Amino acid sequence: MLACCHLTWSLLVAAGLAQAFIDFLFSIHFIKPIYVIEPFDILRAAMWVLLTGCIGYGGCVFGLVWNRLPRLASARRPREP
């Protein structure tokens, strides 16, 4: 999911639509737009999408391992009659 969001942002930058999009988002939140979107750089975009994808998949693997661990707290509780 993280990688998809950043891929979408990279595509907006590449298409030249990111500045208008970010200006719109700021203006509807009553914030004066002060940020300027830099020109598209394919290497930086690829690294950002790859990094966020690795973070997302790492979290998924951590969750799978965590869910497979035995539940110590439930093993200590006495059973209800």
PDB file of N, CA and C in Angstrom:
ATOM      1  N   MET A   1       0.824  -1.187   0.000  1.00  0.00           N
ATOM      2  CA  MET A   1       0.000   0.000   0.000  1.00  0.00           C
ATOM      3  C   MET A   1       0.869   1.253   0.000  1.00  0.00           C
ATOM      4  N   LEU A   2       1.906   1.239   0.859  1.00  0.00           N
ATOM      5  CA  LEU A   2       2.795   2.408   0.890  1.00  0.00           C
ATOM      6  C   LEU A   2       3.444   2.637  -0.471  1.00  0.00           C
ATOM      7  N   ALA A   3       3.910   1.575  -1.086  1.00  0.00           N
ATOM      8  CA  ALA A   3       4.562   1.701  -2.382  1.00  0.00           C
ATOM      9  C   ALA A   3       3.590   2.207  -3.440  1.00  0.00           C
ATOM     10  N   CYS A   4       2.351   1.764  -3.391  1.00  0.00           N
ATOM     11  CA  CYS A   4       1.340   2.226  -4.359  1.00  0.00           C
ATOM     12  C   CYS A   4       1.065   3.713  -4.209  1.00  0.00           C
ATOM     13  N   CYS A   5       0.984   4.187  -2.980  1.00  0.00           N
ATOM     14  CA  CYS A   5       0.771   5.617  -2.750  1.00  0.00           C
ATOM     15  C   CYS A   5       1.934   6.431  -3.300  1.00  0.00           C
ATOM     16  N   HIS A   6       3.158   5.974  -3.072  1.00  0.00           N
ATOM     17  CA  HIS A   6       4.311   6.723  -3.548  1.00  0.00           C
ATOM     18  C   HIS A   6       4.494   6.581  -5.056  1.00  0.00           C
ATOM     19  N   LEU A   7       4.102   5.459  -5.600  1.00  0.00           N
ATOM     20  CA  LEU A   7       4.124   5.315  -7.055  1.00  0.00           C
ATOM     21  C   LEU A   7       3.140   6.294  -7.694  1.00  0.00           C
ATOM     22  N   THR A   8       1.957   6.423  -7.111  1.00  0.00           N
ATOM     23  CA  THR A   8       0.960   7.374  -7.617  1.00  0.00           C
ATOM     24  C   THR A   8       1.499   8.793  -7.546  1.00  0.00           C
ATOM     25  N   TRP A   9       2.131   9.146  -6.425  1.00  0.00           N
ATOM     26  CA  TRP A   9       2.711  10.489  -6.293  1.00  0.00           C
ATOM     27  C   TRP A   9       3.801  10.703  -7.347  1.00  0.00           C
ATOM     28  N   SER A  10       4.648   9.703  -7.565  1.00  0.00           N
ATOM     29  CA  SER A  10       5.702   9.819  -8.578  1.00  0.00           C
ATOM     30  C   SER A  10       5.119  10.008  -9.969  1.00  0.00           C
ATOM     31  N   LEU A  11       4.034   9.322 -10.256  1.00  0.00           N
ATOM     32  CA  LEU A  11       3.379   9.486 -11.559  1.00  0.00           C
ATOM     33  C   LEU A  11       2.784  10.881 -11.707  1.00  0.00           C
ATOM     34  N   LEU A  12       2.233  11.429 -10.610  1.00  0.00           N
ATOM     35  CA  LEU A  12       1.721  12.800 -10.654  1.00  0.00           C
ATOM     36  C   LEU A  12       2.852  13.794 -10.928  1.00  0.00           C
ATOM     37  N   VAL A  13       4.006  13.580 -10.295  1.00  0.00           N
ATOM     38  CA  VAL A  13       5.153  14.459 -10.523  1.00  0.00           C
ATOM     39  C   VAL A  13       5.620  14.336 -11.966  1.00  0.00           C
ATOM     40  N   ALA A  14       5.725  13.107 -12.460  1.00  0.00           N
ATOM     41  CA  ALA A  14       6.183  12.872 -13.834  1.00  0.00           C
ATOM     42  C   ALA A  14       5.232  13.497 -14.856  1.00  0.00           C
ATOM     43  N   ALA A  15       3.946  13.486 -14.562  1.00  0.00           N
ATOM     44  CA  ALA A  15       2.951  14.040 -15.485  1.00  0.00           C
ATOM     45  C   ALA A  15       2.827  15.555 -15.363  1.00  0.00           C
ATOM     46  N   GLY A  16       3.484  16.135 -14.363  1.00  0.00           N
ATOM     47  CA  GLY A  16       3.403  17.584 -14.181  1.00  0.00           C
ATOM     48  C   GLY A  16       2.149  18.039 -13.466  1.00  0.00           C
ATOM     49  N   LEU A  17       1.458  17.133 -12.817  1.00  0.00           N
ATOM     50  CA  LEU A  17       0.201  17.465 -12.146  1.00  0.00           C
ATOM     51  C   LEU A  17       0.341  17.620 -10.632  1.00  0.00           C
ATOM     52  N   ALA A  18       1.510  17.303 -10.091  1.00  0.00           N
ATOM     53  CA  ALA A  18       1.680  17.287  -8.638  1.00  0.00           C
ATOM     54  C   ALA A  18       1.567  18.676  -8.018  1.00  0.00           C
ATOM     55  N   GLN A  19       2.111  19.711  -8.675  1.00  0.00           N
ATOM     56  CA  GLN A  19       2.064  21.061  -8.101  1.00  0.00           C
ATOM     57  C   GLN A  19       0.624  21.541  -7.956  1.00  0.00           C
ATOM     58  N   ALA A  20      -0.175  21.347  -8.981  1.00  0.00           N
ATOM     59  CA  ALA A  20      -1.580  21.764  -8.900  1.00  0.00           C
ATOM     60  C   ALA A  20      -2.320  20.965  -7.828  1.00  0.00           C
ATOM     61  N   PHE A  21      -2.010  19.683  -7.730  1.00  0.00           N
ATOM     62  CA  PHE A  21      -2.664  18.825  -6.744  1.00  0.00           C
ATOM     63  C   PHE A  21      -2.324  19.259  -5.320  1.00  0.00           C
ATOM     64  N   ILE A  22      -1.045  19.496  -5.052  1.00  0.00           N
ATOM     65  CA  ILE A  22      -0.643  19.870  -3.701  1.00  0.00           C
ATOM     66  C   ILE A  22      -1.141  21.271  -3.359  1.00  0.00           C
ATOM     67  N   ASP A  23      -1.147  22.177  -4.324  1.00  0.00           N
ATOM     68  CA  ASP A  23      -1.697  23.518  -4.090  1.00  0.00           C
ATOM     69  C   ASP A  23      -3.182  23.438  -3.738  1.00  0.00           C
ATOM     70  N   PHE A  24      -3.914  22.581  -4.442  1.00  0.00           N
ATOM     71  CA  PHE A  24      -5.338  22.394  -4.154  1.00  0.00           C
ATOM     72  C   PHE A  24      -5.544  21.833  -2.748  1.00  0.00           C
ATOM     73  N   LEU A  25      -4.772  20.798  -2.402  1.00  0.00           N
ATOM     74  CA  LEU A  25      -4.921  20.202  -1.072  1.00  0.00           C
ATOM     75  C   LEU A  25      -4.652  21.213   0.041  1.00  0.00           C
ATOM     76  N   PHE A  26      -3.602  22.001  -0.115  1.00  0.00           N
ATOM     77  CA  PHE A  26      -3.317  23.011   0.897  1.00  0.00           C
ATOM     78  C   PHE A  26      -4.427  24.050   0.971  1.00  0.00           C
ATOM     79  N   SER A  27      -4.882  24.517  -0.174  1.00  0.00           N
ATOM     80  CA  SER A  27      -5.880  25.596  -0.175  1.00  0.00           C
ATOM     81  C   SER A  27      -7.206  25.170   0.453  1.00  0.00           C
ATOM     82  N   ILE A  28      -7.620  23.922   0.289  1.00  0.00           N
ATOM     83  CA  ILE A  28      -8.885  23.510   0.907  1.00  0.00           C
ATOM     84  C   ILE A  28      -8.735  23.292   2.410  1.00  0.00           C
ATOM     85  N   HIS A  29      -7.475  23.268   2.889  1.00  0.00           N
ATOM     86  CA  HIS A  29      -7.232  23.175   4.327  1.00  0.00           C
ATOM     87  C   HIS A  29      -6.849  24.532   4.918  1.00  0.00           C
ATOM     88  N   PHE A  30      -7.100  25.600   4.149  1.00  0.00           N
ATOM     89  CA  PHE A  30      -6.812  26.967   4.587  1.00  0.00           C
ATOM     90  C   PHE A  30      -5.324  27.173   4.879  1.00  0.00           C
ATOM     91  N   ILE A  31      -4.477  26.535   4.086  1.00  0.00           N
ATOM     92  CA  ILE A  31      -3.033  26.662   4.223  1.00  0.00           C
ATOM     93  C   ILE A  31      -2.505  27.315   2.949  1.00  0.00           C
ATOM     94  N   LYS A  32      -1.682  28.351   3.130  1.00  0.00           N
ATOM     95  CA  LYS A  32      -1.088  29.014   1.975  1.00  0.00           C
ATOM     96  C   LYS A  32      -0.017  28.108   1.386  1.00  0.00           C
ATOM     97  N   PRO A  33      -0.162  27.716   0.120  1.00  0.00           N
ATOM     98  CA  PRO A  33       0.834  26.826  -0.485  1.00  0.00           C
ATOM     99  C   PRO A  33       2.189  27.518  -0.594  1.00  0.00           C
ATOM    100  N   ILE A  34       3.218  26.904   0.010  1.00  0.00           N
ATOM    101  CA  ILE A  34       4.560  27.475  -0.054  1.00  0.00           C
ATOM    102  C   ILE A  34       5.570  26.489  -0.637  1.00  0.00           C
ATOM    103  N   TYR A  35       5.160  25.277  -0.868  1.00  0.00           N
ATOM    104  CA  TYR A  35       6.081  24.249  -1.360  1.00  0.00           C
ATOM    105  C   TYR A  35       6.100  24.227  -2.885  1.00  0.00           C
ATOM    106  N   VAL A  36       7.253  23.948  -3.427  1.00  0.00           N
ATOM    107  CA  VAL A  36       7.422  23.841  -4.878  1.00  0.00           C
ATOM    108  C   VAL A  36       7.890  22.426  -5.182  1.00  0.00           C
ATOM    109  N   ILE A  37       7.187  21.764  -6.075  1.00  0.00           N
ATOM    110  CA  ILE A  37       7.524  20.397  -6.469  1.00  0.00           C
ATOM    111  C   ILE A  37       8.726  20.439  -7.417  1.00  0.00           C
ATOM    112  N   GLU A  38       9.732  19.646  -7.113  1.00  0.00           N
ATOM    113  CA  GLU A  38      10.933  19.590  -7.949  1.00  0.00           C
ATOM    114  C   GLU A  38      10.665  18.780  -9.218  1.00  0.00           C
ATOM    115  N   PRO A  39      11.547  18.915 -10.194  1.00  0.00           N
ATOM    116  CA  PRO A  39      11.397  18.113 -11.411  1.00  0.00           C
ATOM    117  C   PRO A  39      11.509  16.618 -11.108  1.00  0.00           C
ATOM    118  N   PHE A  40      10.884  15.831 -11.954  1.00  0.00           N
ATOM    119  CA  PHE A  40      10.865  14.374 -11.784  1.00  0.00           C
ATOM    120  C   PHE A  40      12.261  13.795 -11.987  1.00  0.00           C
ATOM    121  N   ASP A  41      12.626  12.868 -11.109  1.00  0.00           N
ATOM    122  CA  ASP A  41      13.899  12.142 -11.205  1.00  0.00           C
ATOM    123  C   ASP A  41      13.576  10.660 -11.048  1.00  0.00           C
ATOM    124  N   ILE A  42      13.762   9.900 -12.114  1.00  0.00           N
ATOM    125  CA  ILE A  42      13.367   8.498 -12.127  1.00  0.00           C
ATOM    126  C   ILE A  42      14.116   7.685 -11.071  1.00  0.00           C
ATOM    127  N   LEU A  43      15.389   7.972 -10.850  1.00  0.00           N
ATOM    128  CA  LEU A  43      16.156   7.220  -9.865  1.00  0.00           C
ATOM    129  C   LEU A  43      15.632   7.471  -8.449  1.00  0.00           C
ATOM    130  N   ARG A  44      15.368   8.723  -8.123  1.00  0.00           N
ATOM    131  CA  ARG A  44      14.845   9.042  -6.795  1.00  0.00           C
ATOM    132  C   ARG A  44      13.454   8.452  -6.600  1.00  0.00           C
ATOM    133  N   ALA A  45      12.632   8.502  -7.635  1.00  0.00           N
ATOM    134  CA  ALA A  45      11.283   7.937  -7.542  1.00  0.00           C
ATOM    135  C   ALA A  45      11.343   6.421  -7.336  1.00  0.00           C
ATOM    136  N   ALA A  46      12.209   5.751  -8.085  1.00  0.00           N
ATOM    137  CA  ALA A  46      12.329   4.298  -7.959  1.00  0.00           C
ATOM    138  C   ALA A  46      12.836   3.905  -6.575  1.00  0.00           C
ATOM    139  N   MET A  47      13.815   4.649  -6.062  1.00  0.00           N
ATOM    140  CA  MET A  47      14.336   4.342  -4.728  1.00  0.00           C
ATOM    141  C   MET A  47      13.257   4.544  -3.668  1.00  0.00           C
ATOM    142  N   TRP A  48      12.449   5.579  -3.788  1.00  0.00           N
ATOM    143  CA  TRP A  48      11.410   5.870  -2.803  1.00  0.00           C
ATOM    144  C   TRP A  48      10.317   4.802  -2.827  1.00  0.00           C
ATOM    145  N   VAL A  49       9.909   4.401  -4.012  1.00  0.00           N
ATOM    146  CA  VAL A  49       8.885   3.359  -4.132  1.00  0.00           C
ATOM    147  C   VAL A  49       9.431   2.029  -3.602  1.00  0.00           C
ATOM    148  N   LEU A  50      10.673   1.701  -3.933  1.00  0.00           N
ATOM    149  CA  LEU A  50      11.295   0.461  -3.455  1.00  0.00           C
ATOM    150  C   LEU A  50      11.433   0.473  -1.934  1.00  0.00           C
ATOM    151  N   LEU A  51      11.885   1.581  -1.372  1.00  0.00           N
ATOM    152  CA  LEU A  51      12.048   1.686   0.074  1.00  0.00           C
ATOM    153  C   LEU A  51      10.714   1.513   0.798  1.00  0.00           C
ATOM    154  N   THR A  52       9.690   2.209   0.353  1.00  0.00           N
ATOM    155  CA  THR A  52       8.395   2.092   1.032  1.00  0.00           C
ATOM    156  C   THR A  52       7.783   0.713   0.828  1.00  0.00           C
ATOM    157  N   GLY A  53       8.035   0.097  -0.316  1.00  0.00           N
ATOM    158  CA  GLY A  53       7.563  -1.270  -0.529  1.00  0.00           C
ATOM    159  C   GLY A  53       8.230  -2.248   0.416  1.00  0.00           C
ATOM    160  N   CYS A  54       9.543  -2.085   0.612  1.00  0.00           N
ATOM    161  CA  CYS A  54      10.262  -2.954   1.553  1.00  0.00           C
ATOM    162  C   CYS A  54       9.754  -2.766   2.981  1.00  0.00           C
ATOM    163  N   ILE A  55       9.484  -1.534   3.361  1.00  0.00           N
ATOM    164  CA  ILE A  55       8.946  -1.280   4.695  1.00  0.00           C
ATOM    165  C   ILE A  55       7.584  -1.952   4.854  1.00  0.00           C
ATOM    166  N   GLY A  56       6.735  -1.833   3.854  1.00  0.00           N
ATOM    167  CA  GLY A  56       5.416  -2.454   3.912  1.00  0.00           C
ATOM    168  C   GLY A  56       5.482  -3.968   3.972  1.00  0.00           C
ATOM    169  N   TYR A  57       6.316  -4.565   3.114  1.00  0.00           N
ATOM    170  CA  TYR A  57       6.441  -6.018   3.127  1.00  0.00           C
ATOM    171  C   TYR A  57       7.112  -6.503   4.403  1.00  0.00           C
ATOM    172  N   GLY A  58       8.051  -5.716   4.936  1.00  0.00           N
ATOM    173  CA  GLY A  58       8.678  -6.063   6.210  1.00  0.00           C
ATOM    174  C   GLY A  58       7.660  -6.095   7.338  1.00  0.00           C
ATOM    175  N   GLY A  59       6.751  -5.125   7.337  1.00  0.00           N
ATOM    176  CA  GLY A  59       5.686  -5.109   8.339  1.00  0.00           C
ATOM    177  C   GLY A  59       4.755  -6.293   8.194  1.00  0.00           C
ATOM    178  N   CYS A  60       4.507  -6.694   6.962  1.00  0.00           N
ATOM    179  CA  CYS A  60       3.653  -7.861   6.714  1.00  0.00           C
ATOM    180  C   CYS A  60       4.310  -9.137   7.246  1.00  0.00           C
ATOM    181  N   VAL A  61       5.593  -9.294   6.977  1.00  0.00           N
ATOM    182  CA  VAL A  61       6.326 -10.469   7.471  1.00  0.00           C
ATOM    183  C   VAL A  61       6.349 -10.461   8.996  1.00  0.00           C
ATOM    184  N   PHE A  62       6.607  -9.298   9.602  1.00  0.00           N
ATOM    185  CA  PHE A  62       6.599  -9.196  11.055  1.00  0.00           C
ATOM    186  C   PHE A  62       5.237  -9.601  11.613  1.00  0.00           C
ATOM    187  N   GLY A  63       4.168  -9.150  10.990  1.00  0.00           N
ATOM    188  CA  GLY A  63       2.826  -9.511  11.441  1.00  0.00           C
ATOM    189  C   GLY A  63       2.553 -10.997  11.342  1.00  0.00           C
ATOM    190  N   LEU A  64       2.991 -11.615  10.260  1.00  0.00           N
ATOM    191  CA  LEU A  64       2.798 -13.063  10.108  1.00  0.00           C
ATOM    192  C   LEU A  64       3.558 -13.837  11.176  1.00  0.00           C
ATOM    193  N   VAL A  65       4.804 -13.435  11.436  1.00  0.00           N
ATOM    194  CA  VAL A  65       5.596 -14.103  12.476  1.00  0.00           C
ATOM    195  C   VAL A  65       4.960 -13.879  13.837  1.00  0.00           C
ATOM    196  N   TRP A  66       4.563 -12.656  14.100  1.00  0.00           N
ATOM    197  CA  TRP A  66       3.946 -12.320  15.389  1.00  0.00           C
ATOM    198  C   TRP A  66       2.682 -13.151  15.627  1.00  0.00           C
ATOM    199  N   ASN A  67       1.879 -13.307  14.617  1.00  0.00           N
ATOM    200  CA  ASN A  67       0.631 -14.069  14.764  1.00  0.00           C
ATOM    201  C   ASN A  67       0.874 -15.567  14.922  1.00  0.00           C
ATOM    202  N   ARG A  68       2.025 -16.057  14.525  1.00  0.00           N
ATOM    203  CA  ARG A  68       2.348 -17.473  14.669  1.00  0.00           C
ATOM    204  C   ARG A  68       2.948 -17.799  16.037  1.00  0.00           C
ATOM    205  N   LEU A  69       3.412 -16.779  16.768  1.00  0.00           N
ATOM    206  CA  LEU A  69       4.014 -17.023  18.080  1.00  0.00           C
ATOM    207  C   LEU A  69       2.963 -17.536  19.060  1.00  0.00           C
ATOM    208  N   PRO A  70       3.346 -18.431  19.943  1.00  0.00           N
ATOM    209  CA  PRO A  70       2.379 -18.930  20.936  1.00  0.00           C
ATOM    210  C   PRO A  70       1.965 -17.800  21.878  1.00  0.00           C
ATOM    211  N   ARG A  71       0.757 -17.858  22.279  1.00  0.00           N
ATOM    212  CA  ARG A  71       0.215 -16.832  23.169  1.00  0.00           C
ATOM    213  C   ARG A  71       0.510 -17.213  24.608  1.00  0.00           C
ATOM    214  N   LEU A  72       1.501 -16.587  25.205  1.00  0.00           N
ATOM    215  CA  LEU A  72       1.883 -16.888  26.570  1.00  0.00           C
ATOM    216  C   LEU A  72       0.812 -16.445  27.563  1.00  0.00           C
ATOM    217  N   ALA A  73       0.207 -15.298  27.298  1.00  0.00           N
ATOM    218  CA  ALA A  73      -0.797 -14.781  28.234  1.00  0.00           C
ATOM    219  C   ALA A  73      -2.008 -15.704  28.305  1.00  0.00           C
ATOM    220  N   SER A  74      -2.441 -16.241  27.172  1.00  0.00           N
ATOM    221  CA  SER A  74      -3.615 -17.115  27.194  1.00  0.00           C
ATOM    222  C   SER A  74      -3.289 -18.465  27.829  1.00  0.00           C
ATOM    223  N   ALA A  75      -2.028 -18.896  27.774  1.00  0.00           N
ATOM    224  CA  ALA A  75      -1.640 -20.174  28.368  1.00  0.00           C
ATOM    225  C   ALA A  75      -1.607 -20.096  29.895  1.00  0.00           C
ATOM    226  N   ARG A  76      -1.399 -18.907  30.426  1.00  0.00           N
ATOM    227  CA  ARG A  76      -1.311 -18.737  31.888  1.00  0.00           C
ATOM    228  C   ARG A  76      -2.673 -18.587  32.553  1.00  0.00           C
ATOM    229  N   ARG A  77      -3.649 -18.181  31.782  1.00  0.00           N
ATOM    230  CA  ARG A  77      -4.979 -17.958  32.372  1.00  0.00           C
ATOM    231  C   ARG A  77      -5.647 -19.270  32.727  1.00  0.00           C
ATOM    232  N   PRO A  78      -6.306 -19.323  33.884  1.00  0.00           N
ATOM    233  CA  PRO A  78      -7.084 -20.537  34.192  1.00  0.00           C
ATOM    234  C   PRO A  78      -8.312 -20.611  33.295  1.00  0.00           C
ATOM    235  N   ARG A  79      -8.705 -21.812  32.993  1.00  0.00           N
ATOM    236  CA  ARG A  79      -9.873 -22.021  32.127  1.00  0.00           C
ATOM    237  C   ARG A  79     -11.147 -21.711  32.874  1.00  0.00           C
ATOM    238  N   GLU A  80     -12.069 -21.155  32.159  1.00  0.00           N
ATOM    239  CA  GLU A  80     -13.391 -20.864  32.725  1.00  0.00           C
ATOM    240  C   GLU A  80     -14.195 -22.161  32.823  1.00  0.00           C
ATOM    241  N   PRO A  81     -14.965 -22.351  33.912  1.00  0.00           N
ATOM    242  CA  PRO A  81     -15.774 -23.594  34.008  1.00  0.00           C
ATOM    243  C   PRO A  81     -16.957 -23.580  33.079  1.00  0.00           C
TER     244      PRO A  81
END
